[in-house]
């Protein structure tokens, strides 16, 4: 819901009218879907709406990839949005009776495992920029944590794709991304609340954490 509210005023007005209206509609759908998914009776419909809305933002990243495939930032944006789409799609499929649990578990692991690969690559390609986001008061150094979290993303991706300690990996991934939100984006937002990018990043970070948490719950169902 927050991501939808932030998207409405923050979308680039220089884009074509048709694209702008499509994004506005998708943002409104995020708000509606985010509300609907909170209630058991409307959860499936809400998840379907969220999946469809996030798919719009996934597709919006494709032109950037086609225009400059050698620049990883476009790929990173794609997989960030794809992670959000995957979380909503998993909920929708879980509430449907057509998906066998094993198939859904495997699909969820692969989709979010691919996203984790992208997260690791994006941090690796932009390691200096990643290090600058780490609060200076956290020991030992900013670069240490930039490298450490990149390695942890890569290890989590291996665990999910290989189905080795996948449940633990999904829990640790969720915790790490929540940590990014609390330690990086909350302080930046408080220091500069007028910067729209800070609002967008904090909403997206916690939504990614939510998608990873969905996977963790899905994998944990089997043990329960």
C-alpha atoms as a PDB file:
ATOM      1  CA  UNK A   1       0.000   0.000   0.000  1.00  0.00           C
ATOM      2  CA  UNK A   2       2.819   2.385   0.896  1.00  0.00           C
ATOM      3  CA  UNK A   3       4.646   1.620  -2.342  1.00  0.00           C
ATOM      4  CA  UNK A   4       1.502   2.411  -4.321  1.00  0.00           C
ATOM      5  CA  UNK A   5       0.955   5.695  -2.482  1.00  0.00           C
ATOM      6  CA  UNK A   6       4.581   6.717  -3.037  1.00  0.00           C
ATOM      7  CA  UNK A   7       4.473   5.777  -6.726  1.00  0.00           C
ATOM      8  CA  UNK A   8       1.480   8.006  -7.528  1.00  0.00           C
ATOM      9  CA  UNK A   9       3.154  11.399  -6.980  1.00  0.00           C
ATOM     10  CA  UNK A  10       6.669  10.184  -7.711  1.00  0.00           C
ATOM     11  CA  UNK A  11       6.326   8.847 -11.241  1.00  0.00           C
ATOM     12  CA  UNK A  12       8.238  10.724 -13.925  1.00  0.00           C
ATOM     13  CA  UNK A  13       5.863  13.152 -15.616  1.00  0.00           C
ATOM     14  CA  UNK A  14       8.112  13.261 -18.670  1.00  0.00           C
ATOM     15  CA  UNK A  15       6.965   9.781 -19.669  1.00  0.00           C
ATOM     16  CA  UNK A  16       4.275   9.411 -22.311  1.00  0.00           C
ATOM     17  CA  UNK A  17       0.670   9.892 -21.235  1.00  0.00           C
ATOM     18  CA  UNK A  18      -0.285   6.284 -21.965  1.00  0.00           C
ATOM     19  CA  UNK A  19       2.592   4.840 -19.921  1.00  0.00           C
ATOM     20  CA  UNK A  20       1.953   7.317 -17.108  1.00  0.00           C
ATOM     21  CA  UNK A  21      -1.693   6.339 -16.864  1.00  0.00           C
ATOM     22  CA  UNK A  22      -0.786   2.639 -16.870  1.00  0.00           C
ATOM     23  CA  UNK A  23       1.636   3.205 -13.987  1.00  0.00           C
ATOM     24  CA  UNK A  24      -0.959   5.272 -12.114  1.00  0.00           C
ATOM     25  CA  UNK A  25      -3.464   2.425 -12.528  1.00  0.00           C
ATOM     26  CA  UNK A  26      -0.876  -0.091 -11.313  1.00  0.00           C
ATOM     27  CA  UNK A  27      -0.092   2.094  -8.285  1.00  0.00           C
ATOM     28  CA  UNK A  28      -3.799   2.304  -7.434  1.00  0.00           C
ATOM     29  CA  UNK A  29      -3.966  -1.486  -7.791  1.00  0.00           C
ATOM     30  CA  UNK A  30      -1.100  -1.824  -5.296  1.00  0.00           C
ATOM     31  CA  UNK A  31      -3.085   0.187  -2.776  1.00  0.00           C
ATOM     32  CA  UNK A  32      -6.248  -1.851  -3.350  1.00  0.00           C
ATOM     33  CA  UNK A  33      -4.409  -5.191  -3.408  1.00  0.00           C
ATOM     34  CA  UNK A  34      -2.413  -4.313  -0.299  1.00  0.00           C
ATOM     35  CA  UNK A  35      -5.646  -3.677   1.572  1.00  0.00           C
ATOM     36  CA  UNK A  36      -7.472  -6.722   0.193  1.00  0.00           C
ATOM     37  CA  UNK A  37      -4.680  -9.178   1.031  1.00  0.00           C
ATOM     38  CA  UNK A  38      -5.045  -8.360   4.736  1.00  0.00           C
ATOM     39  CA  UNK A  39      -8.368 -10.195   5.000  1.00  0.00           C
ATOM     40  CA  UNK A  40      -8.877 -13.916   4.566  1.00  0.00           C
ATOM     41  CA  UNK A  41     -11.918 -13.636   2.317  1.00  0.00           C
ATOM     42  CA  UNK A  42     -10.236 -11.253  -0.119  1.00  0.00           C
ATOM     43  CA  UNK A  43      -6.626 -12.401   0.257  1.00  0.00           C
ATOM     44  CA  UNK A  44      -6.519 -14.401  -2.971  1.00  0.00           C
ATOM     45  CA  UNK A  45      -8.032 -11.580  -5.025  1.00  0.00           C
ATOM     46  CA  UNK A  46      -5.702  -9.078  -3.367  1.00  0.00           C
ATOM     47  CA  UNK A  47      -2.670 -11.227  -4.150  1.00  0.00           C
ATOM     48  CA  UNK A  48      -3.762 -11.554  -7.788  1.00  0.00           C
ATOM     49  CA  UNK A  49      -4.169  -7.775  -8.078  1.00  0.00           C
ATOM     50  CA  UNK A  50      -0.751  -7.210  -6.484  1.00  0.00           C
ATOM     51  CA  UNK A  51       0.865  -9.716  -8.840  1.00  0.00           C
ATOM     52  CA  UNK A  52      -0.690  -8.028 -11.863  1.00  0.00           C
ATOM     53  CA  UNK A  53       0.310  -4.550 -10.667  1.00  0.00           C
ATOM     54  CA  UNK A  54       3.885  -5.576  -9.919  1.00  0.00           C
ATOM     55  CA  UNK A  55       4.076  -7.259 -13.320  1.00  0.00           C
ATOM     56  CA  UNK A  56       3.483  -3.827 -14.872  1.00  0.00           C
ATOM     57  CA  UNK A  57       6.527  -2.471 -13.044  1.00  0.00           C
ATOM     58  CA  UNK A  58       8.536  -5.553 -14.080  1.00  0.00           C
ATOM     59  CA  UNK A  59       7.692  -4.939 -17.727  1.00  0.00           C
ATOM     60  CA  UNK A  60       8.476  -1.249 -17.339  1.00  0.00           C
ATOM     61  CA  UNK A  61      12.104  -2.241 -16.657  1.00  0.00           C
ATOM     62  CA  UNK A  62      12.462  -4.187 -19.920  1.00  0.00           C
ATOM     63  CA  UNK A  63      13.035  -1.183 -22.250  1.00  0.00           C
ATOM     64  CA  UNK A  64      15.988  -0.095 -20.099  1.00  0.00           C
ATOM     65  CA  UNK A  65      17.528  -3.565 -20.398  1.00  0.00           C
ATOM     66  CA  UNK A  66      17.019  -3.622 -24.164  1.00  0.00           C
ATOM     67  CA  UNK A  67      18.482  -0.129 -24.569  1.00  0.00           C
ATOM     68  CA  UNK A  68      21.584  -0.795 -22.460  1.00  0.00           C
ATOM     69  CA  UNK A  69      21.970  -4.507 -21.618  1.00  0.00           C
ATOM     70  CA  UNK A  70      25.578  -3.975 -20.506  1.00  0.00           C
ATOM     71  CA  UNK A  71      24.496  -1.697 -17.638  1.00  0.00           C
ATOM     72  CA  UNK A  72      23.533  -3.908 -14.707  1.00  0.00           C
ATOM     73  CA  UNK A  73      21.419  -1.290 -12.957  1.00  0.00           C
ATOM     74  CA  UNK A  74      18.592  -1.989 -15.425  1.00  0.00           C
ATOM     75  CA  UNK A  75      18.790  -5.724 -14.682  1.00  0.00           C
ATOM     76  CA  UNK A  76      18.892  -4.994 -10.953  1.00  0.00           C
ATOM     77  CA  UNK A  77      15.743  -2.884 -11.163  1.00  0.00           C
ATOM     78  CA  UNK A  78      14.060  -5.679 -13.115  1.00  0.00           C
ATOM     79  CA  UNK A  79      14.786  -8.327 -10.496  1.00  0.00           C
ATOM     80  CA  UNK A  80      13.825  -6.048  -7.614  1.00  0.00           C
ATOM     81  CA  UNK A  81      10.381  -5.662  -9.162  1.00  0.00           C
ATOM     82  CA  UNK A  82      10.336  -9.341 -10.123  1.00  0.00           C
ATOM     83  CA  UNK A  83      10.887 -10.231  -6.449  1.00  0.00           C
ATOM     84  CA  UNK A  84       7.779  -8.253  -5.508  1.00  0.00           C
ATOM     85  CA  UNK A  85       5.800  -9.913  -8.284  1.00  0.00           C
ATOM     86  CA  UNK A  86       6.996 -13.352  -7.146  1.00  0.00           C
ATOM     87  CA  UNK A  87       5.898 -12.795  -3.547  1.00  0.00           C
ATOM     88  CA  UNK A  88       2.365 -11.850  -4.587  1.00  0.00           C
ATOM     89  CA  UNK A  89       2.208 -14.684  -7.130  1.00  0.00           C
ATOM     90  CA  UNK A  90       3.252 -17.217  -4.462  1.00  0.00           C
ATOM     91  CA  UNK A  91       0.426 -16.078  -2.173  1.00  0.00           C
ATOM     92  CA  UNK A  92      -2.067 -16.289  -5.030  1.00  0.00           C
ATOM     93  CA  UNK A  93      -0.888 -19.782  -5.986  1.00  0.00           C
ATOM     94  CA  UNK A  94      -0.803 -20.946  -2.342  1.00  0.00           C
ATOM     95  CA  UNK A  95      -4.450 -19.956  -1.879  1.00  0.00           C
ATOM     96  CA  UNK A  96      -5.378 -21.802  -5.062  1.00  0.00           C
ATOM     97  CA  UNK A  97      -5.994 -25.551  -5.052  1.00  0.00           C
ATOM     98  CA  UNK A  98      -4.355 -26.116  -8.438  1.00  0.00           C
ATOM     99  CA  UNK A  99      -0.707 -25.983  -7.335  1.00  0.00           C
ATOM    100  CA  UNK A 100       0.812 -29.059  -5.581  1.00  0.00           C
ATOM    101  CA  UNK A 101       2.876 -27.997  -2.545  1.00  0.00           C
ATOM    102  CA  UNK A 102       6.125 -29.473  -3.880  1.00  0.00           C
ATOM    103  CA  UNK A 103       5.766 -27.650  -7.188  1.00  0.00           C
ATOM    104  CA  UNK A 104       4.964 -24.373  -5.475  1.00  0.00           C
ATOM    105  CA  UNK A 105       7.898 -24.726  -3.058  1.00  0.00           C
ATOM    106  CA  UNK A 106      10.298 -25.458  -5.909  1.00  0.00           C
ATOM    107  CA  UNK A 107       8.967 -22.595  -8.020  1.00  0.00           C
ATOM    108  CA  UNK A 108       9.188 -20.138  -5.119  1.00  0.00           C
ATOM    109  CA  UNK A 109      12.766 -21.187  -4.339  1.00  0.00           C
ATOM    110  CA  UNK A 110      13.845 -20.792  -7.961  1.00  0.00           C
ATOM    111  CA  UNK A 111      12.162 -17.417  -8.494  1.00  0.00           C
ATOM    112  CA  UNK A 112      13.493 -15.801  -5.329  1.00  0.00           C
ATOM    113  CA  UNK A 113      16.804 -17.622  -5.671  1.00  0.00           C
ATOM    114  CA  UNK A 114      17.244 -15.885  -9.025  1.00  0.00           C
ATOM    115  CA  UNK A 115      16.407 -12.572  -7.372  1.00  0.00           C
ATOM    116  CA  UNK A 116      19.043 -13.231  -4.713  1.00  0.00           C
ATOM    117  CA  UNK A 117      21.609 -13.866  -7.444  1.00  0.00           C
ATOM    118  CA  UNK A 118      20.729 -10.477  -8.900  1.00  0.00           C
ATOM    119  CA  UNK A 119      20.946  -8.768  -5.500  1.00  0.00           C
ATOM    120  CA  UNK A 120      24.460 -10.196  -5.044  1.00  0.00           C
ATOM    121  CA  UNK A 121      25.539  -9.136  -8.547  1.00  0.00           C
ATOM    122  CA  UNK A 122      24.095  -5.643  -8.176  1.00  0.00           C
ATOM    123  CA  UNK A 123      25.984  -5.067  -4.926  1.00  0.00           C
ATOM    124  CA  UNK A 124      29.158  -6.528  -6.455  1.00  0.00           C
ATOM    125  CA  UNK A 125      28.981  -4.255  -9.510  1.00  0.00           C
ATOM    126  CA  UNK A 126      28.252  -1.197  -7.378  1.00  0.00           C
ATOM    127  CA  UNK A 127      30.299  -2.130  -4.334  1.00  0.00           C
ATOM    128  CA  UNK A 128      31.557   1.375  -3.545  1.00  0.00           C
ATOM    129  CA  UNK A 129      28.054   2.830  -3.757  1.00  0.00           C
ATOM    130  CA  UNK A 130      26.775   0.001  -1.540  1.00  0.00           C
ATOM    131  CA  UNK A 131      29.485   0.695   1.025  1.00  0.00           C
ATOM    132  CA  UNK A 132      28.511   4.369   1.174  1.00  0.00           C
ATOM    133  CA  UNK A 133      25.024   3.357   2.330  1.00  0.00           C
ATOM    134  CA  UNK A 134      26.352   1.486   5.369  1.00  0.00           C
ATOM    135  CA  UNK A 135      26.170   3.688   8.506  1.00  0.00           C
ATOM    136  CA  UNK A 136      29.680   4.716   9.516  1.00  0.00           C
ATOM    137  CA  UNK A 137      29.066   3.916  13.171  1.00  0.00           C
ATOM    138  CA  UNK A 138      28.744   0.172  12.484  1.00  0.00           C
ATOM    139  CA  UNK A 139      32.137  -1.538  13.005  1.00  0.00           C
ATOM    140  CA  UNK A 140      34.442  -2.574  11.506  1.00  0.00           C
ATOM    141  CA  UNK A 141      34.138  -0.681   8.174  1.00  0.00           C
ATOM    142  CA  UNK A 142      31.567   0.226   5.552  1.00  0.00           C
ATOM    143  CA  UNK A 143      33.338  -1.832   2.872  1.00  0.00           C
ATOM    144  CA  UNK A 144      33.425  -4.879   5.162  1.00  0.00           C
ATOM    145  CA  UNK A 145      29.635  -4.940   5.369  1.00  0.00           C
ATOM    146  CA  UNK A 146      29.208  -4.209   1.669  1.00  0.00           C
ATOM    147  CA  UNK A 147      31.324  -7.268   0.846  1.00  0.00           C
ATOM    148  CA  UNK A 148      29.799  -9.406   3.616  1.00  0.00           C
ATOM    149  CA  UNK A 149      26.201  -8.786   2.570  1.00  0.00           C
ATOM    150  CA  UNK A 150      27.111  -9.413  -1.083  1.00  0.00           C
ATOM    151  CA  UNK A 151      28.561 -12.796  -0.124  1.00  0.00           C
ATOM    152  CA  UNK A 152      25.528 -13.559   2.036  1.00  0.00           C
ATOM    153  CA  UNK A 153      23.173 -12.807  -0.864  1.00  0.00           C
ATOM    154  CA  UNK A 154      25.203 -15.183  -3.037  1.00  0.00           C
ATOM    155  CA  UNK A 155      25.202 -17.946  -0.394  1.00  0.00           C
ATOM    156  CA  UNK A 156      21.460 -17.561   0.087  1.00  0.00           C
ATOM    157  CA  UNK A 157      20.952 -17.847  -3.662  1.00  0.00           C
ATOM    158  CA  UNK A 158      22.936 -21.102  -3.731  1.00  0.00           C
ATOM    159  CA  UNK A 159      20.956 -22.458  -0.772  1.00  0.00           C
ATOM    160  CA  UNK A 160      17.595 -21.667  -2.405  1.00  0.00           C
ATOM    161  CA  UNK A 161      18.468 -22.892  -5.886  1.00  0.00           C
ATOM    162  CA  UNK A 162      20.147 -26.070  -4.613  1.00  0.00           C
ATOM    163  CA  UNK A 163      17.477 -26.651  -1.939  1.00  0.00           C
ATOM    164  CA  UNK A 164      20.046 -26.940   0.819  1.00  0.00           C
ATOM    165  CA  UNK A 165      19.041 -25.308   4.144  1.00  0.00           C
ATOM    166  CA  UNK A 166      16.602 -23.271   2.038  1.00  0.00           C
ATOM    167  CA  UNK A 167      14.295 -22.516   4.978  1.00  0.00           C
ATOM    168  CA  UNK A 168      17.159 -21.135   7.066  1.00  0.00           C
ATOM    169  CA  UNK A 169      18.394 -19.138   4.075  1.00  0.00           C
ATOM    170  CA  UNK A 170      14.972 -17.571   3.502  1.00  0.00           C
ATOM    171  CA  UNK A 171      14.695 -16.590   7.168  1.00  0.00           C
ATOM    172  CA  UNK A 172      18.186 -15.070   7.206  1.00  0.00           C
ATOM    173  CA  UNK A 173      17.535 -13.246   3.925  1.00  0.00           C
ATOM    174  CA  UNK A 174      14.369 -11.739   5.366  1.00  0.00           C
ATOM    175  CA  UNK A 175      16.221 -10.644   8.503  1.00  0.00           C
ATOM    176  CA  UNK A 176      19.065  -9.114   6.510  1.00  0.00           C
ATOM    177  CA  UNK A 177      16.773  -7.100   4.237  1.00  0.00           C
ATOM    178  CA  UNK A 178      14.739  -5.885   7.222  1.00  0.00           C
ATOM    179  CA  UNK A 179      18.085  -4.833   8.704  1.00  0.00           C
ATOM    180  CA  UNK A 180      18.791  -2.806   5.554  1.00  0.00           C
ATOM    181  CA  UNK A 181      15.493  -1.028   6.027  1.00  0.00           C
ATOM    182  CA  UNK A 182      16.036  -0.275   9.705  1.00  0.00           C
ATOM    183  CA  UNK A 183      19.744   0.590   9.633  1.00  0.00           C
ATOM    184  CA  UNK A 184      20.076   2.243   6.229  1.00  0.00           C
ATOM    185  CA  UNK A 185      16.805   3.641   4.909  1.00  0.00           C
ATOM    186  CA  UNK A 186      15.037   4.687   8.113  1.00  0.00           C
ATOM    187  CA  UNK A 187      17.953   6.966   9.162  1.00  0.00           C
ATOM    188  CA  UNK A 188      18.247   8.364   5.615  1.00  0.00           C
ATOM    189  CA  UNK A 189      14.513   9.038   5.545  1.00  0.00           C
ATOM    190  CA  UNK A 190      14.611  10.781   8.928  1.00  0.00           C
ATOM    191  CA  UNK A 191      17.571  12.901   7.844  1.00  0.00           C
ATOM    192  CA  UNK A 192      15.942  13.936   4.566  1.00  0.00           C
ATOM    193  CA  UNK A 193      12.176  13.273   4.588  1.00  0.00           C
ATOM    194  CA  UNK A 194      11.644  15.517   1.546  1.00  0.00           C
ATOM    195  CA  UNK A 195      13.640  13.211  -0.720  1.00  0.00           C
ATOM    196  CA  UNK A 196      11.125  11.065  -2.612  1.00  0.00           C
ATOM    197  CA  UNK A 197      13.806   8.456  -3.392  1.00  0.00           C
ATOM    198  CA  UNK A 198      14.221   7.720   0.324  1.00  0.00           C
ATOM    199  CA  UNK A 199      10.499   7.019   0.668  1.00  0.00           C
ATOM    200  CA  UNK A 200      10.542   4.807  -2.415  1.00  0.00           C
ATOM    201  CA  UNK A 201      13.604   2.850  -1.276  1.00  0.00           C
ATOM    202  CA  UNK A 202      12.293   2.183   2.223  1.00  0.00           C
ATOM    203  CA  UNK A 203       8.930   0.990   0.888  1.00  0.00           C
ATOM    204  CA  UNK A 204      10.570  -1.237  -1.715  1.00  0.00           C
ATOM    205  CA  UNK A 205      13.046  -2.642   0.820  1.00  0.00           C
ATOM    206  CA  UNK A 206      10.344  -3.720   3.243  1.00  0.00           C
ATOM    207  CA  UNK A 207       8.213  -5.062   0.390  1.00  0.00           C
ATOM    208  CA  UNK A 208      11.160  -7.208  -0.752  1.00  0.00           C
ATOM    209  CA  UNK A 209      11.527  -8.384   2.841  1.00  0.00           C
ATOM    210  CA  UNK A 210       7.822  -9.286   2.768  1.00  0.00           C
ATOM    211  CA  UNK A 211       8.270 -11.347  -0.396  1.00  0.00           C
ATOM    212  CA  UNK A 212      11.164 -13.228   1.199  1.00  0.00           C
ATOM    213  CA  UNK A 213       9.100 -13.770   4.349  1.00  0.00           C
ATOM    214  CA  UNK A 214       6.314 -15.229   2.208  1.00  0.00           C
ATOM    215  CA  UNK A 215       8.803 -17.753   0.833  1.00  0.00           C
ATOM    216  CA  UNK A 216      10.035 -18.559   4.357  1.00  0.00           C
ATOM    217  CA  UNK A 217       6.467 -19.235   5.519  1.00  0.00           C
ATOM    218  CA  UNK A 218       5.810 -21.350   2.441  1.00  0.00           C
ATOM    219  CA  UNK A 219       8.887 -23.504   3.028  1.00  0.00           C
ATOM    220  CA  UNK A 220       8.128 -23.697   6.752  1.00  0.00           C
ATOM    221  CA  UNK A 221       4.650 -25.124   6.141  1.00  0.00           C
ATOM    222  CA  UNK A 222       6.181 -28.413   5.094  1.00  0.00           C
ATOM    223  CA  UNK A 223       8.000 -28.804   8.427  1.00  0.00           C
ATOM    224  CA  UNK A 224       4.952 -27.793  10.450  1.00  0.00           C
END
